[in-house]
C-alpha atoms as a PDB file:
ATOM      1  CA  MET A   1       0.712   4.272  15.424  1.00  0.00           C
ATOM      2  CA  LYS A   2      -0.087   0.552  15.330  1.00  0.00           C
ATOM      3  CA  ILE A   3       1.553  -1.444  12.538  1.00  0.00           C
ATOM      4  CA  ILE A   4       1.070  -4.985  11.236  1.00  0.00           C
ATOM      5  CA  VAL A   5       3.682  -6.671   9.046  1.00  0.00           C
ATOM      6  CA  ALA A   6       2.863  -9.863   7.162  1.00  0.00           C
ATOM      7  CA  VAL A   7       5.857 -12.226   7.006  1.00  0.00           C
ATOM      8  CA  ASP A   8       6.242 -15.435   5.033  1.00  0.00           C
ATOM      9  CA  GLY A   9       9.999 -15.741   4.537  1.00  0.00           C
ATOM     10  CA  SER A  10       9.934 -14.530   0.919  1.00  0.00           C
ATOM     11  CA  SER A  11      12.277 -11.835  -0.385  1.00  0.00           C
ATOM     12  CA  CYS A  12       9.330  -9.397  -0.672  1.00  0.00           C
ATOM     13  CA  SER A  13       8.423 -10.080   2.950  1.00  0.00           C
ATOM     14  CA  LYS A  14      12.013  -9.308   3.955  1.00  0.00           C
ATOM     15  CA  HIS A  15      11.859  -6.052   1.973  1.00  0.00           C
ATOM     16  CA  ALA A  16       8.787  -5.101   4.014  1.00  0.00           C
ATOM     17  CA  ILE A  17      10.626  -5.762   7.283  1.00  0.00           C
ATOM     18  CA  LYS A  18      13.591  -3.653   6.170  1.00  0.00           C
ATOM     19  CA  ALA A  19      11.258  -0.837   5.071  1.00  0.00           C
ATOM     20  CA  LEU A  20      10.296  -0.400   8.733  1.00  0.00           C
ATOM     21  CA  ALA A  21      13.617   1.425   9.179  1.00  0.00           C
ATOM     22  CA  HIS A  22      11.995   4.419   7.431  1.00  0.00           C
ATOM     23  CA  LEU A  23       8.998   4.531   9.774  1.00  0.00           C
ATOM     24  CA  ALA A  24       8.798   6.086  13.212  1.00  0.00           C
ATOM     25  CA  PRO A  25       8.829   3.547  16.058  1.00  0.00           C
ATOM     26  CA  PRO A  26       5.192   2.493  16.543  1.00  0.00           C
ATOM     27  CA  GLU A  27       3.351   2.161  19.827  1.00  0.00           C
ATOM     28  CA  GLU A  28       2.493  -1.395  18.822  1.00  0.00           C
ATOM     29  CA  LEU A  29       3.936  -3.780  16.222  1.00  0.00           C
ATOM     30  CA  THR A  30       2.525  -7.163  15.233  1.00  0.00           C
ATOM     31  CA  LEU A  31       4.122  -9.758  12.958  1.00  0.00           C
ATOM     32  CA  VAL A  32       1.632 -12.079  11.270  1.00  0.00           C
ATOM     33  CA  HIS A  33       2.422 -15.484   9.779  1.00  0.00           C
ATOM     34  CA  ALA A  34      -0.237 -17.948   8.678  1.00  0.00           C
ATOM     35  CA  MET A  35       0.146 -21.581   7.613  1.00  0.00           C
ATOM     36  CA  ASN A  36      -2.125 -22.494   4.737  1.00  0.00           C
ATOM     37  CA  LEU A  37      -2.306 -26.308   4.912  1.00  0.00           C
ATOM     38  CA  PRO A  38      -2.765 -28.186   1.631  1.00  0.00           C
ATOM     39  CA  ASP A  39      -5.977 -30.151   1.125  1.00  0.00           C
ATOM     40  CA  PHE A  40      -5.497 -33.916   1.488  1.00  0.00           C
ATOM     41  CA  ASN A  41      -9.139 -34.778   0.895  1.00  0.00           C
ATOM     42  CA  TYR A  42      -8.553 -37.412  -1.784  1.00  0.00           C
ATOM     43  CA  ALA A  43     -10.616 -40.572  -2.274  1.00  0.00           C
ATOM     44  CA  MET A  44      -7.519 -42.805  -2.288  1.00  0.00           C
ATOM     45  CA  ILE A  45      -6.384 -41.585   1.170  1.00  0.00           C
ATOM     46  CA  THR A  46      -8.014 -43.128   4.234  1.00  0.00           C
ATOM     47  CA  PRO A  47      -9.217 -40.804   7.029  1.00  0.00           C
ATOM     48  CA  GLU A  48      -6.552 -42.175   9.380  1.00  0.00           C
ATOM     49  CA  LEU A  49      -3.739 -41.583   6.889  1.00  0.00           C
ATOM     50  CA  ARG A  50      -5.143 -38.144   6.046  1.00  0.00           C
ATOM     51  CA  ALA A  51      -5.128 -37.112   9.698  1.00  0.00           C
ATOM     52  CA  GLU A  52      -1.562 -38.399  10.124  1.00  0.00           C
ATOM     53  CA  VAL A  53      -0.256 -36.576   7.052  1.00  0.00           C
ATOM     54  CA  GLN A  54      -2.022 -33.348   8.045  1.00  0.00           C
ATOM     55  CA  ALA A  55      -0.572 -33.493  11.560  1.00  0.00           C
ATOM     56  CA  GLU A  56       2.948 -34.043  10.204  1.00  0.00           C
ATOM     57  CA  MET A  57       2.551 -31.240   7.674  1.00  0.00           C
ATOM     58  CA  GLU A  58       1.176 -28.845  10.283  1.00  0.00           C
ATOM     59  CA  GLU A  59       4.073 -29.586  12.643  1.00  0.00           C
ATOM     60  CA  LYS A  60       6.582 -28.984   9.848  1.00  0.00           C
ATOM     61  CA  LEU A  61       4.947 -25.708   8.762  1.00  0.00           C
ATOM     62  CA  ARG A  62       4.626 -24.539  12.355  1.00  0.00           C
ATOM     63  CA  LYS A  63       8.370 -24.982  12.938  1.00  0.00           C
ATOM     64  CA  GLU A  64       9.163 -23.177   9.677  1.00  0.00           C
ATOM     65  CA  GLY A  65       6.814 -20.363  10.701  1.00  0.00           C
ATOM     66  CA  GLU A  66       8.461 -20.008  14.089  1.00  0.00           C
ATOM     67  CA  GLY A  67      11.820 -19.659  12.342  1.00  0.00           C
ATOM     68  CA  ILE A  68      10.430 -17.015   9.989  1.00  0.00           C
ATOM     69  CA  LEU A  69       8.972 -15.008  12.873  1.00  0.00           C
ATOM     70  CA  THR A  70      12.190 -15.269  14.885  1.00  0.00           C
ATOM     71  CA  GLN A  71      14.269 -14.034  11.961  1.00  0.00           C
ATOM     72  CA  ALA A  72      11.844 -11.151  11.358  1.00  0.00           C
ATOM     73  CA  GLN A  73      12.119 -10.167  15.034  1.00  0.00           C
ATOM     74  CA  GLU A  74      15.912 -10.078  14.752  1.00  0.00           C
ATOM     75  CA  GLU A  75      15.782  -7.779  11.715  1.00  0.00           C
ATOM     76  CA  LEU A  76      13.534  -5.117  13.274  1.00  0.00           C
ATOM     77  CA  PRO A  77      14.994  -1.638  13.908  1.00  0.00           C
ATOM     78  CA  SER A  78      16.731  -1.556  17.283  1.00  0.00           C
ATOM     79  CA  ASP A  79      14.487   1.190  18.685  1.00  0.00           C
ATOM     80  CA  PHE A  80      11.226  -0.591  17.830  1.00  0.00           C
ATOM     81  CA  PRO A  81       9.187  -2.163  20.615  1.00  0.00           C
ATOM     82  CA  LYS A  82       9.195  -5.935  20.960  1.00  0.00           C
ATOM     83  CA  ALA A  83       6.767  -7.238  18.386  1.00  0.00           C
ATOM     84  CA  GLN A  84       3.709  -9.287  19.160  1.00  0.00           C
ATOM     85  CA  THR A  85       3.330 -12.332  16.934  1.00  0.00           C
ATOM     86  CA  VAL A  86       0.341 -14.039  15.360  1.00  0.00           C
ATOM     87  CA  HIS A  87       1.072 -17.576  14.170  1.00  0.00           C
ATOM     88  CA  GLN A  88      -1.911 -19.634  13.084  1.00  0.00           C
ATOM     89  CA  VAL A  89      -3.294 -22.193  10.673  1.00  0.00           C
ATOM     90  CA  GLY A  90      -5.405 -20.666   7.929  1.00  0.00           C
ATOM     91  CA  HIS A  91      -5.284 -18.424   4.898  1.00  0.00           C
ATOM     92  CA  PRO A  92      -2.806 -15.512   5.241  1.00  0.00           C
ATOM     93  CA  VAL A  93      -5.405 -12.983   4.064  1.00  0.00           C
ATOM     94  CA  ASN A  94      -7.823 -13.923   6.832  1.00  0.00           C
ATOM     95  CA  ALA A  95      -5.072 -13.838   9.463  1.00  0.00           C
ATOM     96  CA  ILE A  96      -3.880 -10.388   8.358  1.00  0.00           C
ATOM     97  CA  LEU A  97      -7.350  -8.846   8.133  1.00  0.00           C
ATOM     98  CA  GLU A  98      -8.591 -10.322  11.412  1.00  0.00           C
ATOM     99  CA  THR A  99      -5.468  -9.143  13.228  1.00  0.00           C
ATOM    100  CA  ALA A 100      -5.751  -5.644  11.756  1.00  0.00           C
ATOM    101  CA  GLN A 101      -9.393  -5.468  12.788  1.00  0.00           C
ATOM    102  CA  SER A 102      -8.888  -6.691  16.340  1.00  0.00           C
ATOM    103  CA  ALA A 103      -5.743  -4.616  16.938  1.00  0.00           C
ATOM    104  CA  LYS A 104      -7.332  -1.465  15.437  1.00  0.00           C
ATOM    105  CA  SER A 105      -4.186  -1.023  13.376  1.00  0.00           C
ATOM    106  CA  HIS A 106      -3.301   2.096  11.413  1.00  0.00           C
ATOM    107  CA  LEU A 107      -1.081   0.426   8.818  1.00  0.00           C
ATOM    108  CA  ILE A 108      -0.575  -2.994   7.223  1.00  0.00           C
ATOM    109  CA  LEU A 109       2.814  -3.519   5.588  1.00  0.00           C
ATOM    110  CA  LEU A 110       3.341  -6.425   3.223  1.00  0.00           C
ATOM    111  CA  GLY A 111       5.369  -7.493   0.238  1.00  0.00           C
ATOM    112  CA  ALA A 112       3.892  -8.195  -3.192  1.00  0.00           C
ATOM    113  CA  ARG A 113       5.140 -11.067  -5.303  1.00  0.00           C
ATOM    114  CA  GLY A 114       4.140  -9.394  -8.538  1.00  0.00           C
ATOM    115  CA  LEU A 115       1.212 -11.365  -9.931  1.00  0.00           C
ATOM    116  CA  GLY A 116       0.130  -9.903 -13.256  1.00  0.00           C
ATOM    117  CA  GLN A 117      -3.311  -8.340 -13.594  1.00  0.00           C
ATOM    118  CA  VAL A 118      -4.930 -11.231 -15.499  1.00  0.00           C
ATOM    119  CA  LYS A 119      -3.606 -13.932 -13.157  1.00  0.00           C
ATOM    120  CA  GLU A 120      -4.505 -11.817 -10.151  1.00  0.00           C
ATOM    121  CA  VAL A 121      -8.094 -11.334 -11.312  1.00  0.00           C
ATOM    122  CA  ILE A 122      -8.498 -15.101 -11.788  1.00  0.00           C
ATOM    123  CA  MET A 123      -6.698 -16.262  -8.624  1.00  0.00           C
ATOM    124  CA  GLY A 124      -6.132 -13.260  -6.390  1.00  0.00           C
ATOM    125  CA  SER A 125      -2.889 -12.550  -4.563  1.00  0.00           C
ATOM    126  CA  THR A 126      -2.514 -11.982  -0.852  1.00  0.00           C
ATOM    127  CA  SER A 127      -1.554  -8.329  -1.302  1.00  0.00           C
ATOM    128  CA  HIS A 128      -4.437  -7.680  -3.697  1.00  0.00           C
ATOM    129  CA  ARG A 129      -7.054  -9.244  -1.427  1.00  0.00           C
ATOM    130  CA  VAL A 130      -5.714  -7.527   1.674  1.00  0.00           C
ATOM    131  CA  LEU A 131      -5.759  -4.217  -0.175  1.00  0.00           C
ATOM    132  CA  MET A 132      -9.395  -4.734  -1.211  1.00  0.00           C
ATOM    133  CA  HIS A 133     -10.664  -5.540   2.280  1.00  0.00           C
ATOM    134  CA  ALA A 134      -8.224  -3.914   4.730  1.00  0.00           C
ATOM    135  CA  PRO A 135      -9.814  -1.862   7.521  1.00  0.00           C
ATOM    136  CA  CYS A 136      -6.821   0.496   7.580  1.00  0.00           C
ATOM    137  CA  SER A 137      -4.077   1.908   5.355  1.00  0.00           C
ATOM    138  CA  THR A 138      -1.931  -0.601   3.454  1.00  0.00           C
ATOM    139  CA  MET A 139       1.613  -0.236   2.156  1.00  0.00           C
ATOM    140  CA  ILE A 140       2.715  -2.612  -0.601  1.00  0.00           C
ATOM    141  CA  ILE A 141       6.455  -3.269  -1.047  1.00  0.00           C
ATOM    142  CA  LYS A 142       7.756  -4.874  -4.247  1.00  0.00           C
ATOM    143  CA  LYS A 143      11.486  -4.330  -3.872  1.00  0.00           C
ATOM    144  CA  PRO A 144      14.026  -2.847  -1.429  1.00  0.00           C
ATOM    145  CA  LEU A 145      13.321   0.689  -0.206  1.00  0.00           C
ATOM    146  CA  PRO A 146      16.786   2.213   0.274  1.00  0.00           C
ATOM    147  CA  ARG A 147      15.494   5.660   1.240  1.00  0.00           C
ATOM    148  CA  LEU A 148      12.278   7.513   2.001  1.00  0.00           C
ATOM    149  CA  LYS A 149      12.766  11.222   1.484  1.00  0.00           C
ATOM    150  CA  LYS A 150      10.236  12.151  -1.211  1.00  0.00           C
ATOM    151  CA  ILE A 151       6.549  11.256  -1.401  1.00  0.00           C
ATOM    152  CA  LEU A 152       4.073  11.783  -4.208  1.00  0.00           C
ATOM    153  CA  LEU A 153       0.680  12.398  -2.608  1.00  0.00           C
ATOM    154  CA  ALA A 154      -1.918  11.868  -5.329  1.00  0.00           C
ATOM    155  CA  ILE A 155      -5.302  13.380  -4.478  1.00  0.00           C
ATOM    156  CA  GLU A 156      -8.614  13.326  -6.311  1.00  0.00           C
ATOM    157  CA  GLY A 157     -11.363  14.699  -4.097  1.00  0.00           C
ATOM    158  CA  GLN A 158     -11.957  16.086  -0.635  1.00  0.00           C
ATOM    159  CA  GLU A 159     -12.596  12.682   0.940  1.00  0.00           C
ATOM    160  CA  ASP A 160      -9.303  11.063  -0.041  1.00  0.00           C
ATOM    161  CA  THR A 161      -7.458  14.326   0.684  1.00  0.00           C
ATOM    162  CA  ASP A 162      -8.823  14.388   4.241  1.00  0.00           C
ATOM    163  CA  THR A 163      -7.965  10.705   4.722  1.00  0.00           C
ATOM    164  CA  ALA A 164      -4.387  11.262   3.551  1.00  0.00           C
ATOM    165  CA  LEU A 165      -3.963  14.275   5.830  1.00  0.00           C
ATOM    166  CA  GLN A 166      -5.286  12.291   8.801  1.00  0.00           C
ATOM    167  CA  PHE A 167      -2.740   9.559   8.134  1.00  0.00           C
ATOM    168  CA  LEU A 168       0.129  12.029   7.709  1.00  0.00           C
ATOM    169  CA  ALA A 169      -0.895  13.729  10.957  1.00  0.00           C
ATOM    170  CA  LEU A 170       0.213  10.519  12.700  1.00  0.00           C
ATOM    171  CA  GLN A 171       3.796  11.486  11.741  1.00  0.00           C
ATOM    172  CA  PRO A 172       4.467   7.958  10.463  1.00  0.00           C
ATOM    173  CA  PHE A 173       7.916   8.590   8.950  1.00  0.00           C
ATOM    174  CA  ARG A 174      11.199   8.519  10.819  1.00  0.00           C
ATOM    175  CA  GLU A 175      12.881  11.385   8.948  1.00  0.00           C
ATOM    176  CA  ALA A 176      11.638  14.578   7.345  1.00  0.00           C
ATOM    177  CA  VAL A 177      10.082  13.987   3.935  1.00  0.00           C
ATOM    178  CA  PHE A 178       9.215  16.269   1.028  1.00  0.00           C
ATOM    179  CA  ILE A 179       5.680  15.831  -0.312  1.00  0.00           C
ATOM    180  CA  ASP A 180       4.615  16.604  -3.867  1.00  0.00           C
ATOM    181  CA  VAL A 181       0.844  17.081  -3.700  1.00  0.00           C
ATOM    182  CA  PHE A 182      -0.366  15.969  -7.120  1.00  0.00           C
ATOM    183  CA  ALA A 183      -3.769  16.258  -8.775  1.00  0.00           C
ATOM    184  CA  VAL A 184      -4.803  15.373 -12.303  1.00  0.00           C
ATOM    185  CA  TRP A 185      -6.924  18.159 -13.780  1.00  0.00           C
ATOM    186  CA  PRO A 186      -9.426  17.716 -16.651  1.00  0.00           C
ATOM    187  CA  GLN A 187      -8.213  18.907 -20.025  1.00  0.00           C
ATOM    188  CA  PRO A 188     -10.044  22.199 -20.829  1.00  0.00           C
ATOM    189  CA  GLN A 189     -12.761  21.604 -23.418  1.00  0.00           C
ATOM    190  CA  LEU A 190     -14.592  24.246 -25.432  1.00  0.00           C
ATOM    191  CA  ALA A 191     -17.542  23.960 -27.805  1.00  0.00           C
ATOM    192  CA  TRP A 192     -15.747  25.946 -30.533  1.00  0.00           C
ATOM    193  CA  PRO A 193     -12.383  25.436 -32.282  1.00  0.00           C
ATOM    194  CA  VAL A 194      -9.309  27.049 -30.738  1.00  0.00           C
ATOM    195  CA  THR A 195      -5.795  27.623 -31.973  1.00  0.00           C
ATOM    196  CA  LEU A 196      -2.824  25.794 -30.512  1.00  0.00           C
ATOM    197  CA  GLY A 197      -1.796  28.966 -28.690  1.00  0.00           C
ATOM    198  CA  GLN A 198      -5.259  29.425 -27.213  1.00  0.00           C
ATOM    199  CA  SER A 199      -5.316  25.782 -26.142  1.00  0.00           C
ATOM    200  CA  LYS A 200      -1.973  26.179 -24.321  1.00  0.00           C
ATOM    201  CA  LEU A 201      -3.222  29.343 -22.633  1.00  0.00           C
ATOM    202  CA  LEU A 202      -6.364  27.560 -21.425  1.00  0.00           C
ATOM    203  CA  GLU A 203      -4.219  24.724 -20.115  1.00  0.00           C
ATOM    204  CA  LEU A 204      -1.993  27.154 -18.181  1.00  0.00           C
ATOM    205  CA  HIS A 205      -5.069  28.833 -16.658  1.00  0.00           C
ATOM    206  CA  ALA A 206      -6.442  25.407 -15.651  1.00  0.00           C
ATOM    207  CA  ILE A 207      -3.143  24.467 -13.992  1.00  0.00           C
ATOM    208  CA  GLU A 208      -2.995  27.785 -12.120  1.00  0.00           C
ATOM    209  CA  GLU A 209      -6.565  27.303 -10.911  1.00  0.00           C
ATOM    210  CA  ALA A 210      -5.754  23.754  -9.758  1.00  0.00           C
ATOM    211  CA  GLN A 211      -2.667  24.915  -7.872  1.00  0.00           C
ATOM    212  CA  ASP A 212      -4.734  27.593  -6.114  1.00  0.00           C
ATOM    213  CA  ARG A 213      -7.259  24.956  -5.032  1.00  0.00           C
ATOM    214  CA  MET A 214      -4.459  22.715  -3.761  1.00  0.00           C
ATOM    215  CA  LYS A 215      -2.826  25.464  -1.690  1.00  0.00           C
ATOM    216  CA  PRO A 216      -4.901  24.702   1.453  1.00  0.00           C
ATOM    217  CA  VAL A 217      -3.553  21.141   1.311  1.00  0.00           C
ATOM    218  CA  THR A 218       0.078  22.194   1.111  1.00  0.00           C
ATOM    219  CA  ASP A 219      -0.536  24.787   3.838  1.00  0.00           C
ATOM    220  CA  LYS A 220      -1.882  22.067   6.167  1.00  0.00           C
ATOM    221  CA  LEU A 221       1.107  19.854   5.447  1.00  0.00           C
ATOM    222  CA  ILE A 222       3.508  22.705   6.174  1.00  0.00           C
ATOM    223  CA  ARG A 223       1.747  23.283   9.501  1.00  0.00           C
ATOM    224  CA  MET A 224       2.405  19.578  10.215  1.00  0.00           C
ATOM    225  CA  ASN A 225       6.122  20.290   9.656  1.00  0.00           C
ATOM    226  CA  TYR A 226       6.277  18.695   6.214  1.00  0.00           C
ATOM    227  CA  SER A 227       7.837  20.362   3.189  1.00  0.00           C
ATOM    228  CA  ALA A 228       5.238  20.401   0.419  1.00  0.00           C
ATOM    229  CA  GLU A 229       4.619  21.668  -3.081  1.00  0.00           C
ATOM    230  CA  ALA A 230       1.545  21.459  -5.355  1.00  0.00           C
ATOM    231  CA  LYS A 231       1.845  19.980  -8.843  1.00  0.00           C
ATOM    232  CA  VAL A 232      -0.772  19.367 -11.516  1.00  0.00           C
ATOM    233  CA  GLY A 233      -0.997  16.862 -14.339  1.00  0.00           C
ATOM    234  CA  MET A 234      -3.433  16.301 -17.190  1.00  0.00           C
ATOM    235  CA  GLY A 235      -4.635  13.206 -18.970  1.00  0.00           C
ATOM    236  CA  ASP A 236      -5.329   9.696 -17.715  1.00  0.00           C
ATOM    237  CA  PRO A 237      -5.119   9.869 -13.895  1.00  0.00           C
ATOM    238  CA  ALA A 238      -3.270   6.592 -13.287  1.00  0.00           C
ATOM    239  CA  TYR A 239      -0.591   7.139 -15.894  1.00  0.00           C
ATOM    240  CA  ALA A 240      -0.238  10.824 -15.027  1.00  0.00           C
ATOM    241  CA  ILE A 241       0.527   9.723 -11.455  1.00  0.00           C
ATOM    242  CA  LEU A 242       3.041   7.133 -12.659  1.00  0.00           C
ATOM    243  CA  GLU A 243       4.788   9.643 -14.924  1.00  0.00           C
ATOM    244  CA  GLN A 244       4.937  12.248 -12.170  1.00  0.00           C
ATOM    245  CA  ALA A 245       6.358   9.693  -9.737  1.00  0.00           C
ATOM    246  CA  LYS A 246       9.186   9.014 -12.197  1.00  0.00           C
ATOM    247  CA  ALA A 247       9.744  12.696 -12.942  1.00  0.00           C
ATOM    248  CA  SER A 248       9.944  13.679  -9.279  1.00  0.00           C
ATOM    249  CA  GLN A 249      11.908  10.528  -8.329  1.00  0.00           C
ATOM    250  CA  ALA A 250       9.384   9.693  -5.633  1.00  0.00           C
ATOM    251  CA  ASP A 251      10.371   7.041  -3.094  1.00  0.00           C
ATOM    252  CA  LEU A 252       6.722   6.372  -2.242  1.00  0.00           C
ATOM    253  CA  ILE A 253       3.318   7.010  -3.805  1.00  0.00           C
ATOM    254  CA  LEU A 254       0.594   7.784  -1.269  1.00  0.00           C
ATOM    255  CA  MET A 255      -3.007   7.822  -2.438  1.00  0.00           C
ATOM    256  CA  GLY A 256      -6.595   6.834  -1.685  1.00  0.00           C
ATOM    257  CA  THR A 257      -8.651   4.099  -3.318  1.00  0.00           C
ATOM    258  CA  HIS A 258     -10.403   6.695  -5.509  1.00  0.00           C
ATOM    259  CA  GLY A 259     -13.901   5.489  -4.926  1.00  0.00           C
ATOM    260  CA  ARG A 260     -14.344   2.337  -6.928  1.00  0.00           C
ATOM    261  CA  GLY A 261     -15.055  -0.694  -4.787  1.00  0.00           C
ATOM    262  CA  GLY A 262     -16.412  -4.211  -4.643  1.00  0.00           C
ATOM    263  CA  LEU A 263     -16.779  -6.264  -7.809  1.00  0.00           C
ATOM    264  CA  ALA A 264     -16.118  -3.282 -10.103  1.00  0.00           C
ATOM    265  CA  ARG A 265     -12.695  -2.690  -8.565  1.00  0.00           C
ATOM    266  CA  PHE A 266     -11.910  -6.417  -8.599  1.00  0.00           C
ATOM    267  CA  LEU A 267     -12.767  -6.902 -12.273  1.00  0.00           C
ATOM    268  CA  ILE A 268     -11.861  -3.534 -13.780  1.00  0.00           C
ATOM    269  CA  GLY A 269      -9.254  -1.956 -11.536  1.00  0.00           C
ATOM    270  CA  SER A 270      -9.311   1.494 -10.011  1.00  0.00           C
ATOM    271  CA  VAL A 271      -6.715   4.225 -10.409  1.00  0.00           C
ATOM    272  CA  SER A 272      -4.982   3.009  -7.260  1.00  0.00           C
ATOM    273  CA  HIS A 273      -4.805  -0.568  -8.520  1.00  0.00           C
ATOM    274  CA  THR A 274      -3.369   0.491 -11.870  1.00  0.00           C
ATOM    275  CA  VAL A 275      -0.748   2.570 -10.084  1.00  0.00           C
ATOM    276  CA  LEU A 276       0.035  -0.327  -7.750  1.00  0.00           C
ATOM    277  CA  HIS A 277       0.671  -2.718 -10.626  1.00  0.00           C
ATOM    278  CA  HIS A 278       2.929  -0.393 -12.595  1.00  0.00           C
ATOM    279  CA  ALA A 279       4.718   1.762 -10.016  1.00  0.00           C
ATOM    280  CA  ASP A 280       8.457   1.241  -9.548  1.00  0.00           C
ATOM    281  CA  CYS A 281       8.284   2.387  -5.927  1.00  0.00           C
ATOM    282  CA  PRO A 282       6.141   1.251  -2.975  1.00  0.00           C
ATOM    283  CA  VAL A 283       2.505   2.365  -2.884  1.00  0.00           C
ATOM    284  CA  LEU A 284       0.686   3.318   0.320  1.00  0.00           C
ATOM    285  CA  ILE A 285      -3.103   3.238   0.037  1.00  0.00           C
ATOM    286  CA  VAL A 286      -4.731   5.257   2.826  1.00  0.00           C
ATOM    287  CA  ARG A 287      -8.110   4.612   4.417  1.00  0.00           C
END
């Protein structure tokens, strides 16, 4: 597996580096740091002074970046290969996406600084923009990940199920993990009134039917040497996933983008984005 880690010296970035301890040693690892120079294009500053200030600022940021990359290298797991580094002037999002594209990476790992939804929609955070445009799977880390033993795999349709299984077939985790395969099933609806008892019975039948449909998924995971169990929820998909993650004490939520893309996802937010904003644990979005 080929992994990219975005580093900027922040605490979230350091959490992402430490989270590598839970992943299997990759065939290739790249650390990316980008220097986003401030704009000095002001009318009161002469071109000569502007060029001088920009050169001084770039030199300062370059030295800081080298220190950040060196520290990140020192904190990598001892059995990881020596990391390649990308250190350039420009917006971090562009550097991360271009590196992922050229390296044909399988996973981007980066910390999230926790912008709220309204501020993020107006300004956009690095993690949000990378997640929208990444050519590969992306794992967002908000806080330390002390262990990785239980995963909640949230599935919706055949496409995201297949994508998740393809990613898990890479055997990305260092130790054995238990996977709860979770699907949110529609609440049974009938055209005529039913009693509370009948409603509960219909719900149980719906859950049993969902578990039967999910059995091929758990069977495939077991053949991949994972431990797996199917679970079903009902109601709003995003919040059902969040509640199940808490109930099962998941260390990681793994899911697809659930179909919504482009401007609609940016302005409204898909299931995966809602989960990402509210989850207590890291979220891995597979592509």
